[in-house]
Amino acid sequence: MFFYLSKILLFLATPIVWIFTLLLWGILTKKPVRKKRMLWAAAICFYFFSNAFLTDEFVRLYEERTASYSELNETYDVVIVLGGFSNDDPEQDQIQFHSASDRLLAGLKLYQTGRAKKLMISSGAGQIMKPDEKEALYLNEFLLEIGIPGEDLIIEGESKNTHENAVMSAEILKERYPDGKYLLVTSAFHMPRAKRCFEKAGLEVTPFSVDHQAGPRKYLIDHLFIPNTDSLRRWQMLIKEWIGFVSYKMMGYC
């Protein structure tokens, strides 16, 4: 139930939904004063959430920055990669990778360069409409095809959210590597919630953030003043994490 409610709440908490609602309200209302206020509110809301500079500042405050590759001086037993960056496309017989695929690339690099002995993928079916599409399972096939030995892969394909990622991964790893050292790889905006979930599940991890959404500050005219549609996407991502973090705190997940 929590899984389905969270998906509905996240849809309602999307800036573009707010903007559309204000616009529609402004168009449909018959009172001139209210119409003017709603249309102005929609315009202000759109400009705020599409401003790249403001978006960067809010994202930067929340993202968790961690050690770089060169600063990792230990060898870890397992690098845990959290999913949510791909979809299976059986018609094309390929995997469609999304923006957060930095998670997989970083995990592969950490494994291939010897910083981690094993590579773990933790991700089940995260979409309501596709309950049988378990990300870790088709990623397992992909990794085997590109030459990663099966004995070096650990697959957790039943979790539906970050809390279950942590709990189910911890069950596997505590049994196989009770005194192991673990790296946790996920997007920088997701790391604050993910790290605390793993700690709550009793697994001590070293966080390794990737997929940073806020780069160095830029004082360019277009970045400061021109609306940017990608900022709407990043706000949606950020609000999702804020809601997720608060919800998980209330549920005792992190």
Foldseek 3Di string as FASTA:
>chain_A
DVLVVLVVVLVCPALVNQLVVLQVCLVPDPDPVSNVVSPVVSVVSQQCLQQQQNLLVVLVVQFDAADDPVPLPAAFAEEEQEDDFWFDDVVVRDIGGHLFCVSVVVQVVCCVVRSYVAYEYQFADQDPVCRHGFPQVVVLVVCVVVPDDPVRYHYHGNDHDLLCSQQVVCVVCCVVPVPTAYEYEGARNQVVQNQVLNVLNVHHYRYHHDSRPRDDRDPDPCNRGPGHPVSSVSVSVNVSSVVVNVVCVVVVSD
